[in-house]
């Protein structure tokens, strides 16, 4: 039997429903009817649909020819795998969707992903590594894939084999959604599950002293229906290294500031210092400041963890602001300028100085101090952000801010991120 208080609440709820229904009806009455599309618009729609259909048929034709060439060149390949589609390609490899024709002959428990994102089917991802990849890099990727088994959030190795000069890596096929098509429609809860899966995958890697080095939406396959994702593509991954002696005692040339004779920033006509050679692995727009400043020895101590976390922070910028990609720089200099527009000139100079570098620019639009991430999210994504509670928005912005610390020693770790209030509630 309902209590008086609950009865009053039901009456209030019904009254609110009536008011909302009346408001909706008034809105519909006042809103002018949508005019039907004109003949020109209909023709453009049909033309666009025909072009899309034609492009799809052309792609299928090209992919089929590519698959036929592979099967013709490697006679035994079709005995084990039936390639059905090409699902991705890059500078160093191409990935195909294929049916594992002999999967039932083997014990698959060692690699079977526990995550619901990996459907129980006979599909696998067949990664064909190009000859342009160095043998050491290929061996490193295979070894890392073998060692990271045991997590539902990272893709494990099934097997690998070589045929002539081609290397094939066999991985589970992960059903997933295209980030570009879902990120604007994701609810706050979807974003939580997305980030929790991503941080869980990175925490598993970092516990084993492995850095991914190329975290981005294309390398994290998220299944919105199952609300889980898997970290993939370890072609650039590295293990933690011990710092060489030179790291603690930089050479005089490396630490020498770039100053002209009048003690102002400039460039030497004949620079006596040796050119900087630093690892610049990663994808444009997702590289951390320390990578852009070409900091030496990027794979030792806690530093190696921080590179991945910065990339997740950039990804959060896209999720929370509805802008993808968020950074569009064409080179490292442009990338540093884009970061400076968020953090301000003073903090960027301090960041450069911490790496024994100099940051100077004459771009007047760079603010002297950092932009408020809170206001940035509200201004760029107000339609979605206004549906979040004040606390939810502040928690989301705080996690993003801790991931985007310019000082890599202060950046949050993947393990700590999982305990952050924004993610700990799921």
Protein backbone atom coordinates (compact mmCIF):
# COMPACT_ATOMS: atom_id res chain seq x y z
CA UNK A 1 0.00 0.00 0.00
CA UNK A 2 1.55 3.37 -0.98
CA UNK A 3 2.45 5.83 1.75
CA UNK A 4 1.07 9.42 1.72
CA UNK A 5 4.50 10.70 0.73
CA UNK A 6 4.74 8.29 -2.20
CA UNK A 7 1.18 9.15 -3.25
CA UNK A 8 2.07 12.84 -3.27
CA UNK A 9 5.17 12.07 -5.33
CA UNK A 10 3.06 10.13 -7.86
CA UNK A 11 0.66 13.09 -8.15
CA UNK A 12 3.58 15.49 -8.69
CA UNK A 13 5.08 13.16 -11.32
CA UNK A 14 1.75 12.95 -13.16
CA UNK A 15 1.36 16.74 -13.05
CA UNK A 16 4.89 17.14 -14.44
CA UNK A 17 4.12 14.66 -17.19
CA UNK A 18 0.99 16.65 -18.12
CA UNK A 19 2.96 19.90 -18.20
CA UNK A 20 5.68 18.31 -20.36
CA UNK A 21 3.07 16.79 -22.68
CA UNK A 22 1.29 20.15 -23.00
CA UNK A 23 4.61 21.89 -23.64
CA UNK A 24 5.47 19.33 -26.30
CA UNK A 25 2.07 19.76 -27.93
CA UNK A 26 2.47 23.55 -27.95
CA UNK A 27 5.94 23.21 -29.47
CA UNK A 28 4.54 21.00 -32.22
CA UNK A 29 1.72 23.49 -32.85
CA UNK A 30 4.03 26.49 -33.02
CA UNK A 31 6.72 24.77 -35.05
CA UNK A 32 6.25 25.30 -38.79
CA UNK A 33 5.90 22.09 -40.82
CA UNK A 34 9.05 20.85 -42.51
CA UNK A 35 8.80 21.58 -46.22
CA UNK A 36 9.13 18.57 -48.53
CA UNK A 37 12.44 18.22 -50.36
CA UNK A 38 12.63 19.96 -53.70
CA UNK A 39 13.18 18.11 -56.94
CA UNK A 40 16.78 19.31 -57.03
CA UNK A 41 17.39 18.01 -53.50
CA UNK A 42 15.85 14.64 -54.36
CA UNK A 43 18.07 14.36 -57.43
CA UNK A 44 21.17 15.17 -55.35
CA UNK A 45 20.19 12.53 -52.80
CA UNK A 46 19.75 9.91 -55.53
CA UNK A 47 23.04 10.92 -57.13
CA UNK A 48 24.84 10.66 -53.79
CA UNK A 49 23.32 7.24 -53.14
CA UNK A 50 24.34 6.01 -56.58
CA UNK A 51 27.90 7.25 -56.08
CA UNK A 52 28.08 5.56 -52.68
CA UNK A 53 26.77 2.31 -54.12
CA UNK A 54 29.19 2.49 -57.04
CA UNK A 55 32.13 3.16 -54.72
CA UNK A 56 31.14 0.17 -52.57
CA UNK A 57 30.94 -2.13 -55.58
CA UNK A 58 34.31 -0.89 -56.84
CA UNK A 59 35.88 -1.53 -53.44
CA UNK A 60 34.51 -5.07 -53.35
CA UNK A 61 35.97 -5.69 -56.78
CA UNK A 62 39.41 -4.38 -55.81
CA UNK A 63 39.47 -6.35 -52.55
CA UNK A 64 38.42 -9.56 -54.33
CA UNK A 65 41.23 -9.16 -56.84
CA UNK A 66 43.68 -8.59 -53.98
CA UNK A 67 42.47 -11.72 -52.17
CA UNK A 68 42.68 -13.78 -55.37
CA UNK A 69 46.29 -12.67 -55.87
CA UNK A 70 47.15 -13.67 -52.31
CA UNK A 71 45.61 -17.13 -52.68
CA UNK A 72 47.34 -17.62 -56.01
CA UNK A 73 50.72 -16.56 -54.68
CA UNK A 74 50.49 -18.58 -51.43
CA UNK A 75 48.96 -21.92 -52.35
CA UNK A 76 48.63 -23.30 -48.80
CA UNK A 77 47.01 -20.19 -47.35
CA UNK A 78 43.50 -21.13 -48.51
CA UNK A 79 43.86 -24.54 -46.83
CA UNK A 80 43.89 -22.86 -43.41
CA UNK A 81 42.08 -19.55 -43.93
CA UNK A 82 39.30 -18.27 -46.17
CA UNK A 83 39.82 -14.52 -46.55
CA UNK A 84 36.50 -12.70 -46.88
CA UNK A 85 37.38 -9.00 -46.60
CA UNK A 86 40.06 -6.39 -46.02
CA UNK A 87 39.37 -4.52 -42.79
CA UNK A 88 42.36 -2.22 -42.50
CA UNK A 89 45.65 -1.20 -44.02
CA UNK A 90 48.61 0.94 -43.02
CA UNK A 91 52.20 1.76 -43.84
CA UNK A 92 53.55 -1.53 -42.52
CA UNK A 93 50.71 -4.04 -42.82
CA UNK A 94 47.26 -4.97 -44.07
CA UNK A 95 44.63 -6.73 -41.96
CA UNK A 96 42.07 -9.15 -43.42
CA UNK A 97 38.97 -10.73 -41.99
CA UNK A 98 39.13 -14.47 -42.56
CA UNK A 99 37.50 -17.72 -41.53
CA UNK A 100 39.75 -20.10 -39.59
CA UNK A 101 38.95 -23.33 -41.43
CA UNK A 102 40.80 -25.54 -38.95
CA UNK A 103 40.03 -23.81 -35.67
CA UNK A 104 38.18 -26.82 -34.26
CA UNK A 105 41.33 -28.92 -34.61
CA UNK A 106 43.16 -26.93 -31.94
CA UNK A 107 42.88 -25.97 -28.28
CA UNK A 108 41.93 -22.29 -28.34
CA UNK A 109 41.74 -21.72 -24.58
CA UNK A 110 45.17 -20.05 -24.44
CA UNK A 111 44.11 -17.14 -26.62
CA UNK A 112 40.32 -17.05 -26.52
CA UNK A 113 39.40 -13.55 -25.39
CA UNK A 114 37.07 -13.53 -22.40
CA UNK A 115 35.61 -10.20 -23.47
CA UNK A 116 32.14 -10.21 -24.99
CA UNK A 117 33.56 -8.06 -27.80
CA UNK A 118 35.14 -11.22 -29.24
CA UNK A 119 32.21 -13.18 -30.61
CA UNK A 120 32.38 -16.96 -30.48
CA UNK A 121 32.81 -17.52 -34.20
CA UNK A 122 35.50 -18.85 -36.49
CA UNK A 123 36.53 -15.43 -37.80
CA UNK A 124 40.09 -14.29 -37.22
CA UNK A 125 42.10 -11.21 -38.14
CA UNK A 126 44.95 -12.08 -40.50
CA UNK A 127 47.66 -9.41 -40.38
CA UNK A 128 50.00 -9.43 -43.35
CA UNK A 129 53.24 -7.62 -42.46
CA UNK A 130 55.08 -5.97 -45.34
CA UNK A 131 58.70 -6.57 -46.23
CA UNK A 132 59.42 -2.92 -45.35
CA UNK A 133 59.20 -3.80 -41.64
CA UNK A 134 62.50 -4.71 -40.02
CA UNK A 135 62.91 -8.28 -38.71
CA UNK A 136 63.58 -6.96 -35.21
CA UNK A 137 60.36 -4.97 -35.21
CA UNK A 138 58.31 -7.95 -36.38
CA UNK A 139 59.89 -10.24 -33.79
CA UNK A 140 59.24 -7.65 -31.08
CA UNK A 141 55.55 -7.35 -31.98
CA UNK A 142 55.04 -11.12 -31.99
CA UNK A 143 56.83 -11.53 -28.64
CA UNK A 144 54.76 -8.78 -27.03
CA UNK A 145 51.48 -10.22 -28.40
CA UNK A 146 52.43 -13.58 -26.91
CA UNK A 147 53.32 -12.10 -23.51
CA UNK A 148 50.18 -9.96 -23.05
CA UNK A 149 47.74 -12.87 -23.11
CA UNK A 150 45.38 -13.01 -20.18
CA UNK A 151 43.41 -9.76 -20.40
CA UNK A 152 40.00 -9.22 -21.95
CA UNK A 153 41.08 -5.72 -23.03
CA UNK A 154 44.11 -6.47 -25.21
CA UNK A 155 44.24 -8.64 -28.30
CA UNK A 156 46.31 -11.82 -27.83
CA UNK A 157 48.37 -13.76 -30.34
CA UNK A 158 46.84 -16.90 -31.85
CA UNK A 159 49.82 -17.83 -34.00
CA UNK A 160 52.23 -16.45 -36.55
CA UNK A 161 53.89 -17.95 -39.61
CA UNK A 162 56.12 -17.03 -42.50
CA UNK A 163 55.59 -17.87 -46.14
CA UNK A 164 58.51 -16.90 -48.35
CA UNK A 165 59.28 -13.26 -47.48
CA UNK A 166 55.85 -12.55 -45.97
CA UNK A 167 54.99 -12.67 -42.27
CA UNK A 168 51.42 -13.37 -41.16
CA UNK A 169 50.17 -12.72 -37.62
CA UNK A 170 46.89 -14.39 -36.67
CA UNK A 171 44.73 -12.57 -34.11
CA UNK A 172 41.13 -12.81 -32.85
CA UNK A 173 38.61 -10.91 -34.95
CA UNK A 174 36.88 -8.30 -32.80
CA UNK A 175 33.40 -7.10 -33.71
CA UNK A 176 33.41 -3.35 -33.15
CA UNK A 177 31.88 0.00 -34.08
CA UNK A 178 33.60 2.74 -36.02
CA UNK A 179 34.59 5.51 -33.60
CA UNK A 180 33.86 8.17 -36.18
CA UNK A 181 30.21 7.08 -36.45
CA UNK A 182 29.45 6.67 -32.73
CA UNK A 183 31.47 9.19 -30.72
CA UNK A 184 28.97 12.05 -31.07
CA UNK A 185 26.01 9.90 -30.06
CA UNK A 186 27.68 8.18 -27.10
CA UNK A 187 26.03 8.75 -23.75
CA UNK A 188 28.10 9.67 -20.72
CA UNK A 189 27.75 6.09 -19.52
CA UNK A 190 29.03 4.81 -22.88
CA UNK A 191 32.04 7.09 -22.52
CA UNK A 192 32.70 5.67 -19.07
CA UNK A 193 32.70 2.08 -20.36
CA UNK A 194 34.84 3.08 -23.35
CA UNK A 195 37.49 4.71 -21.15
CA UNK A 196 37.36 2.03 -18.48
CA UNK A 197 38.10 -0.68 -21.07
CA UNK A 198 40.91 1.40 -22.56
CA UNK A 199 42.55 2.18 -19.21
CA UNK A 200 42.16 -1.48 -18.15
CA UNK A 201 44.02 -2.58 -21.29
CA UNK A 202 46.79 -0.06 -20.67
CA UNK A 203 47.04 -1.03 -17.01
CA UNK A 204 47.60 -4.65 -18.10
CA UNK A 205 50.37 -3.56 -20.48
CA UNK A 206 52.06 -1.20 -18.05
CA UNK A 207 52.11 -3.83 -15.31
CA UNK A 208 54.26 -5.89 -17.68
CA UNK A 209 56.51 -2.91 -18.46
CA UNK A 210 55.17 -2.56 -22.00
CA UNK A 211 54.23 0.73 -23.66
CA UNK A 212 51.82 0.76 -26.62
CA UNK A 213 53.08 4.03 -28.16
CA UNK A 214 50.22 4.39 -30.64
CA UNK A 215 46.99 4.78 -28.66
CA UNK A 216 44.23 6.24 -30.82
CA UNK A 217 40.61 5.41 -31.72
CA UNK A 218 41.67 3.23 -34.65
CA UNK A 219 43.74 1.01 -32.35
CA UNK A 220 41.01 0.52 -29.76
CA UNK A 221 38.11 -1.59 -31.04
CA UNK A 222 35.01 -0.74 -29.03
CA UNK A 223 31.75 -2.68 -29.19
CA UNK A 224 28.99 -0.32 -28.15
CA UNK A 225 26.41 -3.10 -27.75
CA UNK A 226 28.60 -5.04 -25.31
CA UNK A 227 30.15 -1.86 -23.84
CA UNK A 228 33.66 -3.23 -23.96
CA UNK A 229 36.75 -2.69 -26.09
CA UNK A 230 40.06 -4.27 -27.02
CA UNK A 231 43.45 -2.59 -27.55
CA UNK A 232 45.08 -3.72 -30.81
CA UNK A 233 48.09 -3.09 -33.09
CA UNK A 234 51.34 -3.50 -31.18
CA UNK A 235 53.61 -2.77 -34.11
CA UNK A 236 55.15 0.22 -32.31
CA UNK A 237 55.00 -1.23 -28.79
CA UNK A 238 58.18 -1.31 -26.71
CA UNK A 239 59.38 -2.76 -23.44
CA UNK A 240 60.73 -0.68 -20.59
CA UNK A 241 64.45 -0.12 -20.90
CA UNK A 242 67.10 0.73 -18.34
CA UNK A 243 68.32 4.34 -18.62
CA UNK A 244 71.80 4.66 -20.12
CA UNK A 245 74.43 6.58 -18.21
CA UNK A 246 74.14 9.48 -20.65
CA UNK A 247 70.55 10.08 -19.55
CA UNK A 248 71.60 11.23 -16.11
CA UNK A 249 74.55 13.24 -17.42
CA UNK A 250 73.66 14.93 -20.71
CA UNK A 251 76.49 16.10 -22.86
CA UNK A 252 77.51 19.73 -22.92
CA UNK A 253 76.25 20.05 -26.50
CA UNK A 254 72.84 18.59 -25.65
CA UNK A 255 72.26 20.83 -22.60
CA UNK A 256 73.63 23.99 -24.21
CA UNK A 257 70.80 26.53 -24.74
CA UNK A 258 70.16 27.89 -28.20
CA UNK A 259 71.19 31.52 -27.71
CA UNK A 260 72.73 34.05 -30.02
CA UNK A 261 75.62 36.32 -28.98
CA UNK A 262 73.22 39.01 -27.70
CA UNK A 263 71.65 36.43 -25.35
CA UNK A 264 68.32 36.26 -27.22
CA UNK A 265 66.75 33.11 -28.70
CA UNK A 266 67.88 32.36 -32.23
CA UNK A 267 69.64 29.87 -34.50
CA UNK A 268 73.34 29.33 -34.98
CA UNK A 269 74.52 29.81 -38.54
CA UNK A 270 76.80 26.78 -38.11
CA UNK A 271 75.32 24.86 -35.20
CA UNK A 272 78.14 22.85 -33.54
CA UNK A 273 75.78 20.59 -31.64
CA UNK A 274 74.90 17.09 -32.80
CA UNK A 275 71.39 16.69 -34.28
CA UNK A 276 68.80 15.28 -31.88
CA UNK A 277 67.68 11.76 -32.63
CA UNK A 278 64.67 10.68 -30.59
CA UNK A 279 61.89 8.15 -31.07
CA UNK A 280 58.88 9.88 -32.64
CA UNK A 281 56.63 6.82 -32.82
CA UNK A 282 52.91 7.40 -32.64
CA UNK A 283 50.22 9.05 -34.71
CA UNK A 284 50.08 12.74 -35.53
CA UNK A 285 47.81 14.55 -33.09
CA UNK A 286 48.29 12.00 -30.29
CA UNK A 287 51.99 12.50 -29.52
CA UNK A 288 52.85 13.73 -26.04
CA UNK A 289 54.80 17.00 -25.54
CA UNK A 290 57.92 15.11 -24.43
CA UNK A 291 57.87 13.23 -27.74
CA UNK A 292 57.36 16.44 -29.73
CA UNK A 293 60.25 18.07 -27.85
CA UNK A 294 62.30 15.00 -28.80
CA UNK A 295 63.22 14.00 -25.29
CA UNK A 296 65.87 11.31 -25.30
CA UNK A 297 65.44 7.86 -23.74
CA UNK A 298 61.65 7.61 -23.92
CA UNK A 299 61.26 4.07 -22.59
CA UNK A 300 62.54 4.08 -19.03
CA UNK A 301 61.10 4.79 -15.59
CA UNK A 302 57.51 6.05 -15.26
CA UNK A 303 58.02 8.18 -18.36
CA UNK A 304 57.17 5.35 -20.71
CA UNK A 305 53.73 4.99 -19.11
CA UNK A 306 52.95 8.69 -19.44
CA UNK A 307 53.17 8.70 -23.25
CA UNK A 308 50.16 6.37 -23.54
CA UNK A 309 48.17 8.33 -20.97
CA UNK A 310 48.58 11.60 -22.91
CA UNK A 311 47.12 9.89 -26.00
CA UNK A 312 44.08 8.82 -23.96
CA UNK A 313 43.72 12.43 -22.80
CA UNK A 314 43.59 13.61 -26.43
CA UNK A 315 40.98 10.95 -27.11
CA UNK A 316 38.94 12.27 -24.17
CA UNK A 317 39.10 15.73 -25.72
CA UNK A 318 37.27 14.31 -28.73
CA UNK A 319 34.74 12.42 -26.62
CA UNK A 320 33.87 15.33 -24.32
CA UNK A 321 33.95 18.14 -26.90
CA UNK A 322 32.47 16.26 -29.85
CA UNK A 323 35.42 17.28 -32.06
CA UNK A 324 37.32 14.53 -33.91
CA UNK A 325 40.12 14.71 -34.61
CA UNK A 326 40.83 17.39 -32.05
CA UNK A 327 44.38 18.20 -33.20
CA UNK A 328 45.17 18.56 -36.91
CA UNK A 329 48.85 19.54 -36.96
CA UNK A 330 50.94 18.60 -40.00
CA UNK A 331 54.27 18.47 -38.15
CA UNK A 332 55.76 18.60 -34.67
CA UNK A 333 56.08 22.40 -34.62
CA UNK A 334 52.41 22.85 -35.49
CA UNK A 335 51.50 20.24 -32.87
CA UNK A 336 53.32 22.18 -30.15
CA UNK A 337 51.52 25.36 -31.18
CA UNK A 338 48.15 23.59 -31.00
CA UNK A 339 48.94 22.33 -27.50
CA UNK A 340 50.03 25.85 -26.53
CA UNK A 341 46.61 27.23 -27.51
CA UNK A 342 45.15 25.09 -24.71
CA UNK A 343 47.83 25.43 -22.04
CA UNK A 344 49.07 28.94 -22.69
CA UNK A 345 52.49 30.32 -23.51
CA UNK A 346 53.83 30.37 -19.94
CA UNK A 347 53.22 26.66 -19.28
CA UNK A 348 54.56 25.63 -22.68
CA UNK A 349 57.79 27.52 -22.07
CA UNK A 350 58.12 25.87 -18.67
CA UNK A 351 57.49 22.46 -20.25
CA UNK A 352 60.13 23.06 -22.90
CA UNK A 353 62.61 24.23 -20.29
CA UNK A 354 62.07 21.05 -18.24
CA UNK A 355 63.28 19.09 -21.27
CA UNK A 356 66.18 21.52 -21.89
CA UNK A 357 64.42 22.89 -24.95
CA UNK A 358 63.23 26.36 -25.96
CA UNK A 359 59.69 27.24 -27.06
CA UNK A 360 59.39 30.58 -28.83
CA UNK A 361 56.64 31.79 -31.16
CA UNK A 362 55.32 35.04 -32.61
CA UNK A 363 51.74 33.76 -32.92
CA UNK A 364 49.75 36.35 -31.02
CA UNK A 365 46.60 34.21 -30.71
CA UNK A 366 48.28 31.89 -28.19
CA UNK A 367 46.92 32.88 -24.77
CA UNK A 368 49.33 33.69 -21.93
CA UNK A 369 47.61 31.20 -19.60
CA UNK A 370 45.73 27.95 -20.05
CA UNK A 371 42.14 27.60 -21.23
CA UNK A 372 39.57 26.18 -18.80
CA UNK A 373 38.80 22.60 -19.86
CA UNK A 374 35.44 22.91 -18.12
CA UNK A 375 34.40 25.91 -20.24
CA UNK A 376 35.91 24.31 -23.34
CA UNK A 377 33.62 21.27 -23.04
CA UNK A 378 30.57 23.45 -22.39
CA UNK A 379 31.28 25.74 -25.33
CA UNK A 380 32.08 23.03 -27.90
CA UNK A 381 29.61 20.37 -26.78
CA UNK A 382 26.91 22.22 -24.89
CA UNK A 383 24.07 20.13 -26.32
CA UNK A 384 25.38 16.95 -24.67
CA UNK A 385 27.21 18.48 -21.70
CA UNK A 386 24.06 20.19 -20.41
CA UNK A 387 22.46 16.75 -19.97
CA UNK A 388 25.23 15.75 -17.53
CA UNK A 389 25.08 16.64 -13.88
CA UNK A 390 27.48 19.24 -12.52
CA UNK A 391 29.46 16.59 -10.63
CA UNK A 392 29.64 14.24 -13.63
CA UNK A 393 31.00 17.01 -15.82
CA UNK A 394 33.59 18.05 -13.25
CA UNK A 395 34.70 14.42 -12.73
CA UNK A 396 35.05 13.90 -16.50
CA UNK A 397 37.05 17.11 -16.93
CA UNK A 398 39.26 16.28 -13.94
CA UNK A 399 40.21 12.87 -15.35
CA UNK A 400 40.96 14.46 -18.71
CA UNK A 401 43.06 17.18 -17.07
CA UNK A 402 45.09 14.62 -15.10
CA UNK A 403 45.73 12.70 -18.32
CA UNK A 404 46.82 15.86 -20.15
CA UNK A 405 49.40 17.07 -17.65
CA UNK A 406 52.27 18.76 -19.48
CA UNK A 407 54.59 17.50 -16.75
CA UNK A 408 54.71 13.78 -17.46
CA UNK A 409 55.74 13.01 -13.86
CA UNK A 410 52.33 14.31 -12.68
CA UNK A 411 50.22 12.44 -15.24
CA UNK A 412 47.77 9.93 -13.81
CA UNK A 413 48.54 6.23 -14.31
CA UNK A 414 46.15 3.78 -15.95
CA UNK A 415 45.76 1.91 -12.67
CA UNK A 416 44.87 5.08 -10.76
CA UNK A 417 42.53 6.21 -13.55
CA UNK A 418 40.41 3.11 -13.00
CA UNK A 419 39.87 4.30 -9.39
CA UNK A 420 39.01 7.85 -10.43
CA UNK A 421 35.46 8.93 -9.43
CA UNK A 422 34.46 9.24 -13.10
CA UNK A 423 35.16 5.53 -13.74
CA UNK A 424 34.92 3.95 -10.28
CA UNK A 425 31.12 4.20 -10.33
CA UNK A 426 30.75 1.45 -12.99
